[in-house]
N, C-alpha and C. Protein backbone atom coordinates (compact mmCIF):
# COMPACT_ATOMS: atom_id res chain seq x y z
N MET A 1 71.54 93.75 80.32
CA MET A 1 71.63 94.75 81.37
C MET A 1 72.14 94.11 82.65
N LYS A 2 71.64 92.95 83.00
CA LYS A 2 72.03 92.29 84.25
C LYS A 2 73.52 91.98 84.25
N LEU A 3 74.04 91.48 83.13
CA LEU A 3 75.44 91.13 83.03
C LEU A 3 76.33 92.35 83.26
N VAL A 4 75.95 93.48 82.70
CA VAL A 4 76.73 94.70 82.86
C VAL A 4 76.85 95.06 84.33
N LEU A 5 75.75 94.99 85.06
CA LEU A 5 75.77 95.37 86.47
C LEU A 5 76.55 94.38 87.32
N VAL A 6 76.44 93.10 87.03
CA VAL A 6 77.16 92.09 87.80
C VAL A 6 78.66 92.23 87.55
N VAL A 7 79.06 92.37 86.30
CA VAL A 7 80.47 92.53 85.97
C VAL A 7 81.01 93.81 86.59
N ALA A 8 80.26 94.89 86.48
CA ALA A 8 80.69 96.17 87.05
C ALA A 8 80.88 96.05 88.55
N ALA A 9 79.98 95.38 89.23
CA ALA A 9 80.09 95.23 90.68
C ALA A 9 81.35 94.45 91.04
N SER A 10 81.67 93.43 90.28
CA SER A 10 82.86 92.64 90.60
C SER A 10 84.13 93.43 90.32
N LEU A 11 84.09 94.34 89.36
CA LEU A 11 85.26 95.15 89.05
C LEU A 11 85.42 96.31 90.01
N LEU A 12 84.33 96.81 90.55
CA LEU A 12 84.39 98.00 91.38
C LEU A 12 84.87 97.72 92.79
N SER A 13 84.57 96.57 93.32
CA SER A 13 84.85 96.33 94.73
C SER A 13 86.31 96.50 95.12
N PRO A 14 87.31 96.11 94.31
CA PRO A 14 88.70 96.34 94.73
C PRO A 14 89.02 97.82 94.90
N HIS A 15 88.43 98.68 94.09
CA HIS A 15 88.72 100.11 94.17
C HIS A 15 88.13 100.74 95.43
N LEU A 16 87.12 100.12 95.98
CA LEU A 16 86.47 100.68 97.15
C LEU A 16 86.97 100.07 98.45
N SER A 17 87.80 99.05 98.34
CA SER A 17 88.19 98.29 99.53
C SER A 17 89.22 98.99 100.39
N GLY A 18 89.94 99.95 99.85
CA GLY A 18 90.99 100.60 100.62
C GLY A 18 92.26 99.77 100.68
N GLY A 19 92.29 98.64 99.96
CA GLY A 19 93.46 97.78 99.97
C GLY A 19 94.52 98.21 98.97
N VAL A 20 94.38 99.36 98.38
CA VAL A 20 95.37 99.85 97.43
C VAL A 20 96.18 100.96 98.08
N ALA A 21 97.32 101.25 97.50
CA ALA A 21 98.20 102.29 98.02
C ALA A 21 97.47 103.62 98.04
N PRO A 22 97.74 104.47 99.04
CA PRO A 22 97.02 105.76 99.16
C PRO A 22 97.07 106.61 97.91
N HIS A 23 98.21 106.62 97.21
CA HIS A 23 98.29 107.46 96.01
C HIS A 23 97.51 106.89 94.84
N MET A 24 97.03 105.65 94.97
CA MET A 24 96.26 105.03 93.89
C MET A 24 94.75 105.07 94.14
N ARG A 25 94.31 105.54 95.31
CA ARG A 25 92.87 105.63 95.57
C ARG A 25 92.28 106.69 94.67
N MET A 26 91.14 106.39 94.10
CA MET A 26 90.52 107.30 93.16
C MET A 26 89.37 108.05 93.82
N PRO A 27 89.29 109.35 93.56
CA PRO A 27 88.19 110.11 94.14
C PRO A 27 86.86 109.86 93.43
N CYS A 28 86.87 109.16 92.32
CA CYS A 28 85.63 108.82 91.64
C CYS A 28 84.92 107.74 92.45
N VAL A 29 83.65 107.90 92.66
CA VAL A 29 82.91 106.96 93.48
C VAL A 29 82.01 106.10 92.59
N ALA A 30 82.18 104.80 92.69
CA ALA A 30 81.36 103.88 91.91
C ALA A 30 79.95 103.85 92.48
N PRO A 31 78.96 103.86 91.61
CA PRO A 31 77.57 103.82 92.09
C PRO A 31 77.22 102.43 92.62
N PRO A 32 76.35 102.38 93.62
CA PRO A 32 75.93 101.07 94.14
C PRO A 32 74.95 100.39 93.19
N ILE A 33 74.89 99.10 93.27
CA ILE A 33 73.90 98.34 92.49
C ILE A 33 72.53 98.63 93.09
N PRO A 34 71.53 98.90 92.26
CA PRO A 34 70.19 99.17 92.80
C PRO A 34 69.70 98.03 93.69
N ALA A 35 69.16 98.39 94.82
CA ALA A 35 68.68 97.40 95.78
C ALA A 35 67.61 96.49 95.18
N CYS A 36 66.84 97.01 94.24
CA CYS A 36 65.77 96.20 93.65
C CYS A 36 66.31 94.98 92.90
N LEU A 37 67.59 95.00 92.52
CA LEU A 37 68.18 93.86 91.82
C LEU A 37 68.67 92.79 92.78
N LEU A 38 68.69 93.11 94.05
CA LEU A 38 69.25 92.20 95.04
C LEU A 38 68.19 91.50 95.88
N VAL A 39 66.91 91.61 95.51
CA VAL A 39 65.83 91.08 96.35
C VAL A 39 65.46 89.64 96.06
N GLY A 40 66.06 89.02 95.10
CA GLY A 40 65.74 87.62 94.82
C GLY A 40 64.67 87.48 93.75
N ASP A 41 64.04 86.30 93.74
CA ASP A 41 63.11 85.96 92.67
C ASP A 41 61.64 86.06 93.08
N ARG A 42 61.30 86.97 93.93
CA ARG A 42 59.90 87.11 94.33
C ARG A 42 59.14 87.89 93.26
N LYS A 43 57.84 87.73 93.25
CA LYS A 43 56.98 88.43 92.29
C LYS A 43 56.96 89.93 92.65
N ARG A 44 57.03 90.77 91.63
CA ARG A 44 57.06 92.22 91.83
C ARG A 44 55.81 92.85 91.23
N SER A 45 55.39 93.91 91.86
CA SER A 45 54.23 94.65 91.33
C SER A 45 54.68 95.47 90.12
N ARG A 46 53.72 95.95 89.36
CA ARG A 46 54.05 96.80 88.20
C ARG A 46 54.79 98.06 88.64
N ALA A 47 54.38 98.62 89.75
CA ALA A 47 55.04 99.82 90.27
C ALA A 47 56.50 99.52 90.65
N GLU A 48 56.73 98.36 91.26
CA GLU A 48 58.09 97.97 91.62
C GLU A 48 58.94 97.76 90.38
N ILE A 49 58.34 97.16 89.37
CA ILE A 49 59.07 96.92 88.12
C ILE A 49 59.45 98.25 87.47
N ARG A 50 58.49 99.18 87.39
CA ARG A 50 58.79 100.51 86.81
C ARG A 50 59.88 101.21 87.60
N ALA A 51 59.78 101.17 88.91
CA ALA A 51 60.78 101.83 89.75
C ALA A 51 62.15 101.20 89.56
N CYS A 52 62.19 99.88 89.46
CA CYS A 52 63.46 99.19 89.29
C CYS A 52 64.06 99.50 87.92
N LYS A 53 63.25 99.54 86.89
CA LYS A 53 63.76 99.90 85.56
C LYS A 53 64.37 101.30 85.59
N GLY A 54 63.74 102.21 86.28
CA GLY A 54 64.29 103.56 86.42
C GLY A 54 65.62 103.55 87.16
N ALA A 55 65.67 102.75 88.23
CA ALA A 55 66.92 102.64 89.00
C ALA A 55 68.04 102.04 88.16
N ILE A 56 67.70 101.07 87.31
CA ILE A 56 68.69 100.46 86.43
C ILE A 56 69.21 101.48 85.42
N GLU A 57 68.31 102.27 84.85
CA GLU A 57 68.73 103.30 83.89
C GLU A 57 69.66 104.31 84.56
N ARG A 58 69.34 104.71 85.78
CA ARG A 58 70.21 105.65 86.51
C ARG A 58 71.56 105.00 86.82
N GLU A 59 71.53 103.71 87.17
CA GLU A 59 72.76 102.97 87.47
C GLU A 59 73.67 102.92 86.24
N VAL A 60 73.11 102.60 85.11
CA VAL A 60 73.91 102.53 83.88
C VAL A 60 74.51 103.89 83.56
N ALA A 61 73.73 104.95 83.66
CA ALA A 61 74.25 106.30 83.43
C ALA A 61 75.36 106.63 84.42
N ALA A 62 75.16 106.26 85.69
CA ALA A 62 76.17 106.53 86.71
C ALA A 62 77.44 105.71 86.47
N LEU A 63 77.30 104.50 85.96
CA LEU A 63 78.48 103.69 85.65
C LEU A 63 79.29 104.32 84.53
N PHE A 64 78.61 104.85 83.51
CA PHE A 64 79.33 105.53 82.43
C PHE A 64 80.03 106.78 82.95
N ALA A 65 79.40 107.52 83.83
CA ALA A 65 80.02 108.70 84.42
C ALA A 65 81.23 108.30 85.27
N TRP A 66 81.08 107.22 86.05
CA TRP A 66 82.19 106.73 86.88
C TRP A 66 83.35 106.30 85.99
N ARG A 67 83.04 105.60 84.91
CA ARG A 67 84.10 105.15 84.00
C ARG A 67 84.81 106.34 83.37
N ALA A 68 84.07 107.36 82.97
CA ALA A 68 84.69 108.56 82.40
C ALA A 68 85.61 109.23 83.43
N CYS A 69 85.16 109.28 84.66
CA CYS A 69 85.95 109.88 85.74
C CYS A 69 87.24 109.10 85.96
N THR A 70 87.14 107.79 86.07
CA THR A 70 88.34 106.98 86.31
C THR A 70 89.28 107.02 85.10
N ASN A 71 88.72 107.01 83.90
CA ASN A 71 89.56 107.11 82.70
C ASN A 71 90.35 108.42 82.69
N ALA A 72 89.69 109.51 83.07
CA ALA A 72 90.37 110.81 83.11
C ALA A 72 91.48 110.80 84.15
N LEU A 73 91.23 110.19 85.31
CA LEU A 73 92.27 110.11 86.34
C LEU A 73 93.44 109.25 85.90
N VAL A 74 93.15 108.14 85.27
CA VAL A 74 94.22 107.27 84.78
C VAL A 74 95.06 108.02 83.75
N GLU A 75 94.41 108.70 82.84
CA GLU A 75 95.14 109.47 81.82
C GLU A 75 96.02 110.54 82.47
N GLN A 76 95.50 111.22 83.48
CA GLN A 76 96.26 112.24 84.19
C GLN A 76 97.50 111.62 84.85
N HIS A 77 97.33 110.50 85.52
CA HIS A 77 98.45 109.84 86.20
C HIS A 77 99.48 109.33 85.20
N VAL A 78 99.02 108.78 84.08
CA VAL A 78 99.94 108.30 83.05
C VAL A 78 100.76 109.47 82.51
N GLN A 79 100.10 110.59 82.24
CA GLN A 79 100.81 111.76 81.71
C GLN A 79 101.83 112.27 82.72
N GLN A 80 101.46 112.33 84.00
CA GLN A 80 102.39 112.77 85.04
C GLN A 80 103.59 111.83 85.14
N ALA A 81 103.33 110.53 85.08
CA ALA A 81 104.42 109.56 85.14
C ALA A 81 105.33 109.69 83.92
N ASN A 82 104.73 109.84 82.74
CA ASN A 82 105.53 110.00 81.52
C ASN A 82 106.38 111.26 81.58
N ASP A 83 105.81 112.35 82.08
CA ASP A 83 106.57 113.59 82.22
C ASP A 83 107.75 113.40 83.18
N ALA A 84 107.51 112.73 84.29
CA ALA A 84 108.58 112.49 85.27
C ALA A 84 109.67 111.61 84.67
N ILE A 85 109.27 110.59 83.93
CA ILE A 85 110.25 109.70 83.29
C ILE A 85 111.07 110.47 82.26
N ASP A 86 110.40 111.30 81.47
CA ASP A 86 111.12 112.13 80.48
C ASP A 86 112.14 113.04 81.15
N ARG A 87 111.74 113.68 82.26
CA ARG A 87 112.67 114.56 82.98
C ARG A 87 113.85 113.77 83.54
N PHE A 88 113.56 112.59 84.08
CA PHE A 88 114.63 111.73 84.61
C PHE A 88 115.62 111.37 83.51
N ARG A 89 115.11 110.91 82.40
CA ARG A 89 115.99 110.53 81.28
C ARG A 89 116.82 111.71 80.80
N CYS A 90 116.22 112.87 80.76
CA CYS A 90 116.92 114.07 80.34
C CYS A 90 118.05 114.40 81.32
N GLN A 91 117.75 114.30 82.62
CA GLN A 91 118.76 114.59 83.63
C GLN A 91 119.89 113.57 83.60
N VAL A 92 119.54 112.30 83.39
CA VAL A 92 120.56 111.24 83.33
C VAL A 92 121.47 111.47 82.13
N ALA A 93 120.92 112.02 81.06
CA ALA A 93 121.71 112.30 79.87
C ALA A 93 122.53 113.59 80.03
N HIS A 94 122.40 114.24 81.20
CA HIS A 94 123.13 115.47 81.53
C HIS A 94 122.85 116.59 80.53
N ARG A 95 121.60 116.66 80.10
CA ARG A 95 121.21 117.76 79.20
C ARG A 95 120.84 118.96 80.04
N ARG A 96 121.10 120.14 79.53
CA ARG A 96 120.81 121.37 80.26
C ARG A 96 119.42 121.92 79.94
N ASP A 97 118.76 121.38 78.94
CA ASP A 97 117.44 121.89 78.53
C ASP A 97 116.28 121.08 79.10
N CYS A 98 116.50 120.38 80.21
CA CYS A 98 115.45 119.56 80.82
C CYS A 98 114.35 120.45 81.39
N LYS A 99 113.13 119.90 81.44
CA LYS A 99 112.00 120.60 82.04
C LYS A 99 112.21 120.76 83.53
N ALA A 100 111.38 121.58 84.16
CA ALA A 100 111.46 121.80 85.61
C ALA A 100 111.21 120.51 86.37
N ALA A 101 111.41 120.55 87.67
CA ALA A 101 111.25 119.38 88.53
C ALA A 101 109.88 118.74 88.36
N ALA A 102 109.85 117.43 88.48
CA ALA A 102 108.61 116.68 88.28
C ALA A 102 107.67 116.85 89.46
N PRO A 103 106.35 117.00 89.21
CA PRO A 103 105.40 116.97 90.33
C PRO A 103 105.28 115.54 90.82
N ASN A 104 104.84 115.39 92.06
CA ASN A 104 104.66 114.02 92.55
C ASN A 104 103.43 113.41 91.88
N LEU A 105 103.27 112.10 91.98
CA LEU A 105 102.19 111.43 91.27
C LEU A 105 100.84 111.57 91.94
N GLN A 106 100.75 112.25 93.08
CA GLN A 106 99.45 112.52 93.70
C GLN A 106 98.80 113.72 93.05
N GLY A 107 99.49 114.41 92.20
CA GLY A 107 98.90 115.53 91.48
C GLY A 107 99.20 116.89 92.06
N SER A 108 99.94 116.97 93.16
CA SER A 108 100.27 118.27 93.73
C SER A 108 101.77 118.49 93.60
N PRO A 109 102.21 119.73 93.51
CA PRO A 109 103.64 119.99 93.35
C PRO A 109 104.42 119.53 94.57
N GLN A 110 105.69 119.22 94.35
CA GLN A 110 106.55 118.78 95.45
C GLN A 110 106.99 119.96 96.28
């Protein structure tokens, strides 16, 4: 469980940094690591342990939801790009049966 959260945190930070192009920012929000995992190696009460286990379970569920969200967005963007490439190739081939104009890659019509 600990490895999953540490790896996920290292993978998530670039997406939240704002250092990516505006059209690549994802509206899916990565869940934060539960604070109880960041407190160090002090002794915890049974209540704290139970609460932290619950927070970990919610974190794992939220990570799966975040991954599903980002996967859906990636698939949408790939499909839009493929459609635009297909239309471009059709136009370059001077075919008259090409699809309508390509939407932009932000997901809204041009």
